[in-house]
Amino acid sequence: MRETLNDLKTRRSCRNYRPEQVQEEVLQQILEAGTYAPTGMGMQSPVMVVVQDPDTIHQLSRMNAKIMGTSSDPFYGAPTVIVVLADKNRGTCVEDGSLVMGNLMNAAHALGLGSCWIHRAKEEFESEEGKALLKKWGIDGDYVGVGHCILGYAADEPGEPKPRKENYIVRV
């Protein structure tokens, strides 16, 4: 349990990656952690799409940057992007997908990888280009983009955590 708490306290968002791809056995463990995230009524509404093809990552990066109003790479050169989507027909779809994202990032840290949650997946997959990607990937249904979990080996050591705010916890 102490290792788990330490991992939760020391995980930081990574915004600088080495170019080498994530090892397959490590990726499988991270994905498995994502499948064990809690979901509303255990309905498992999320879907994870693993993207390691540089052309597809570039396409997603371009789409995301356009929404953000920039031309820089919002994925910071990460070699793996896991797109987390969730079934809009579930009332807890965003919460379910968010818990998957948390599991992915915490598992990545525990296994020595850097990760970061990149937003704007909702807008990406509401677009015609995003819908075309879902169709190309064989994803049928009514899905909302929850986030992109970028993964890779960190090029830099993570910084120190910010101090926790004083009124974080209220007891009644």
Protein backbone atom coordinates (compact mmCIF):
# COMPACT_ATOMS: atom_id res chain seq x y z
CA MET A 1 0.00 0.00 0.00
CA ARG A 2 2.87 2.39 0.72
CA GLU A 3 4.11 1.98 -2.87
CA THR A 4 0.67 2.84 -4.20
CA LEU A 5 0.41 5.96 -2.06
CA ASN A 6 3.93 6.98 -3.04
CA ASP A 7 3.08 6.54 -6.74
CA LEU A 8 -0.04 8.67 -6.32
CA LYS A 9 1.98 11.40 -4.59
CA THR A 10 4.90 11.42 -7.04
CA ARG A 11 3.16 11.16 -10.44
CA ARG A 12 3.53 14.33 -12.50
CA SER A 13 2.41 15.31 -15.98
CA CYS A 14 5.19 14.76 -18.51
CA ARG A 15 5.62 17.22 -21.36
CA ASN A 16 8.92 16.06 -22.86
CA TYR A 17 9.43 12.53 -24.23
CA ARG A 18 12.24 10.44 -25.61
CA PRO A 19 11.52 9.13 -29.12
CA GLU A 20 11.59 5.37 -28.38
CA GLN A 21 8.28 3.55 -28.37
CA VAL A 22 6.73 2.14 -25.20
CA GLN A 23 7.59 -1.54 -24.74
CA GLU A 24 4.60 -3.75 -25.59
CA GLU A 25 4.58 -5.66 -22.28
CA VAL A 26 4.57 -2.38 -20.34
CA LEU A 27 1.80 -0.96 -22.54
CA GLN A 28 -0.32 -4.09 -21.96
CA GLN A 29 -0.05 -3.65 -18.19
CA ILE A 30 -1.10 -0.01 -18.43
CA LEU A 31 -4.07 -0.89 -20.64
CA GLU A 32 -5.10 -3.65 -18.25
CA ALA A 33 -5.08 -1.10 -15.40
CA GLY A 34 -7.42 1.05 -17.51
CA THR A 35 -9.87 -1.83 -17.86
CA TYR A 36 -10.11 -2.10 -14.07
CA ALA A 37 -11.23 1.49 -13.52
CA PRO A 38 -14.54 1.77 -11.69
CA THR A 39 -17.52 2.56 -13.90
CA GLY A 40 -21.13 3.43 -13.12
CA MET A 41 -23.01 0.23 -12.28
CA GLY A 42 -20.03 -1.71 -13.64
CA MET A 43 -21.25 -1.04 -17.20
CA GLN A 44 -17.73 -0.37 -18.59
CA SER A 45 -18.81 2.41 -20.95
CA PRO A 46 -15.26 3.50 -21.99
CA VAL A 47 -13.24 2.37 -24.97
CA MET A 48 -9.48 2.88 -25.27
CA VAL A 49 -7.93 3.38 -28.71
CA VAL A 50 -4.16 2.87 -28.77
CA VAL A 51 -2.45 5.00 -31.39
CA GLN A 52 1.24 4.42 -32.13
CA ASP A 53 1.23 5.14 -35.86
CA PRO A 54 3.13 8.45 -36.33
CA ASP A 55 0.81 9.61 -39.14
CA THR A 56 -2.32 9.10 -37.04
CA ILE A 57 -0.71 10.75 -34.01
CA HIS A 58 0.19 13.70 -36.25
CA GLN A 59 -3.42 13.89 -37.48
CA LEU A 60 -4.78 13.86 -33.92
CA SER A 61 -2.18 16.43 -32.88
CA ARG A 62 -3.15 18.72 -35.76
CA MET A 63 -6.86 18.39 -34.95
CA ASN A 64 -6.23 19.07 -31.27
CA ALA A 65 -3.96 22.06 -31.95
CA LYS A 66 -6.56 23.57 -34.28
CA ILE A 67 -9.18 23.43 -31.52
CA MET A 68 -6.68 25.01 -29.13
CA GLY A 69 -5.83 27.71 -31.67
CA THR A 70 -2.14 26.89 -32.02
CA SER A 71 0.21 25.11 -34.38
CA SER A 72 2.39 23.50 -31.69
CA ASP A 73 2.21 19.78 -30.84
CA PRO A 74 -0.21 19.35 -27.91
CA PHE A 75 1.08 15.76 -27.51
CA TYR A 76 4.64 16.93 -26.80
CA GLY A 77 6.16 14.31 -29.10
CA ALA A 78 4.84 11.34 -27.09
CA PRO A 79 5.15 8.12 -29.13
CA THR A 80 1.88 6.63 -27.83
CA VAL A 81 -1.54 8.23 -27.53
CA ILE A 82 -4.42 6.40 -25.88
CA VAL A 83 -7.72 8.00 -26.84
CA VAL A 84 -10.36 7.39 -24.17
CA LEU A 85 -13.95 7.51 -25.37
CA ALA A 86 -17.12 6.62 -23.49
CA ASP A 87 -20.65 5.69 -24.51
CA LYS A 88 -22.83 8.81 -24.38
CA ASN A 89 -25.85 6.67 -23.51
CA ARG A 90 -24.45 6.04 -20.02
CA GLY A 91 -25.18 8.83 -17.55
CA THR A 92 -21.72 8.40 -16.04
CA CYS A 93 -19.80 8.32 -19.33
CA VAL A 94 -17.47 11.26 -18.57
CA GLU A 95 -16.83 10.07 -15.04
CA ASP A 96 -16.19 6.52 -16.27
CA GLY A 97 -13.71 7.73 -18.89
CA SER A 98 -12.04 10.03 -16.37
CA LEU A 99 -11.43 7.13 -14.01
CA VAL A 100 -9.88 5.16 -16.89
CA MET A 101 -7.60 8.12 -17.61
CA GLY A 102 -6.53 8.23 -13.95
CA ASN A 103 -5.76 4.51 -13.89
CA LEU A 104 -3.74 4.80 -17.11
CA MET A 105 -1.62 7.68 -15.82
CA ASN A 106 -1.03 6.16 -12.39
CA ALA A 107 -0.12 2.76 -13.87
CA ALA A 108 2.25 4.44 -16.34
CA HIS A 109 4.04 6.19 -13.50
CA ALA A 110 4.25 3.00 -11.43
CA LEU A 111 5.90 1.30 -14.44
CA GLY A 112 8.43 4.08 -15.07
CA LEU A 113 6.71 5.98 -17.89
CA GLY A 114 5.68 9.57 -18.27
CA SER A 115 2.09 10.50 -19.11
CA CYS A 116 -0.19 13.48 -19.42
CA TRP A 117 -3.91 14.05 -19.88
CA ILE A 118 -4.50 16.08 -23.03
CA HIS A 119 -7.95 17.61 -23.32
CA ARG A 120 -10.09 18.56 -26.33
CA ALA A 121 -10.97 14.95 -27.27
CA LYS A 122 -14.66 15.88 -26.95
CA GLU A 123 -14.37 18.52 -29.66
CA GLU A 124 -12.13 16.35 -31.83
CA PHE A 125 -14.57 13.48 -32.00
CA GLU A 126 -17.61 15.72 -32.45
CA SER A 127 -16.03 16.95 -35.71
CA GLU A 128 -16.61 15.28 -39.07
CA GLU A 129 -12.92 14.34 -39.22
CA GLY A 130 -13.13 12.77 -35.76
CA LYS A 131 -16.29 10.85 -36.67
CA ALA A 132 -14.53 9.59 -39.80
CA LEU A 133 -11.64 8.34 -37.66
CA LEU A 134 -14.02 6.46 -35.37
CA LYS A 135 -15.61 4.84 -38.40
CA LYS A 136 -12.17 3.95 -39.82
CA TRP A 137 -11.24 2.40 -36.46
CA GLY A 138 -14.45 0.31 -36.43
CA ILE A 139 -15.99 2.09 -33.46
CA ASP A 140 -19.75 2.14 -33.82
CA GLY A 141 -22.07 3.86 -31.40
CA ASP A 142 -22.48 7.25 -29.84
CA TYR A 143 -19.19 8.07 -28.09
CA VAL A 144 -17.86 11.17 -26.39
CA GLY A 145 -14.14 11.89 -26.38
CA VAL A 146 -13.02 12.06 -22.75
CA GLY A 147 -9.27 12.58 -23.14
CA HIS A 148 -5.96 11.57 -24.65
CA CYS A 149 -3.48 9.83 -22.38
CA ILE A 150 -0.09 10.46 -23.92
CA LEU A 151 2.63 7.99 -22.92
CA GLY A 152 6.33 7.57 -23.31
CA TYR A 153 9.68 7.58 -21.58
CA ALA A 154 10.26 10.95 -19.95
CA ALA A 155 13.16 13.00 -21.31
CA ASP A 156 13.39 14.98 -18.05
CA GLU A 157 12.93 14.24 -14.37
CA PRO A 158 9.56 15.41 -13.04
CA GLY A 159 9.49 18.49 -10.88
CA GLU A 160 8.48 18.73 -7.25
CA PRO A 161 4.78 18.81 -6.45
CA LYS A 162 3.07 22.07 -5.64
CA PRO A 163 2.20 22.42 -1.95
CA ARG A 164 -1.29 21.17 -1.20
CA LYS A 165 -3.76 23.96 -0.45
CA GLU A 166 -4.79 24.44 3.18
CA ASN A 167 -8.54 23.95 2.76
CA TYR A 168 -8.36 20.86 0.54
CA ILE A 169 -10.20 18.75 3.11
CA VAL A 170 -13.32 19.83 5.00
CA ARG A 171 -14.67 17.60 7.75
CA VAL A 172 -18.26 17.87 8.87
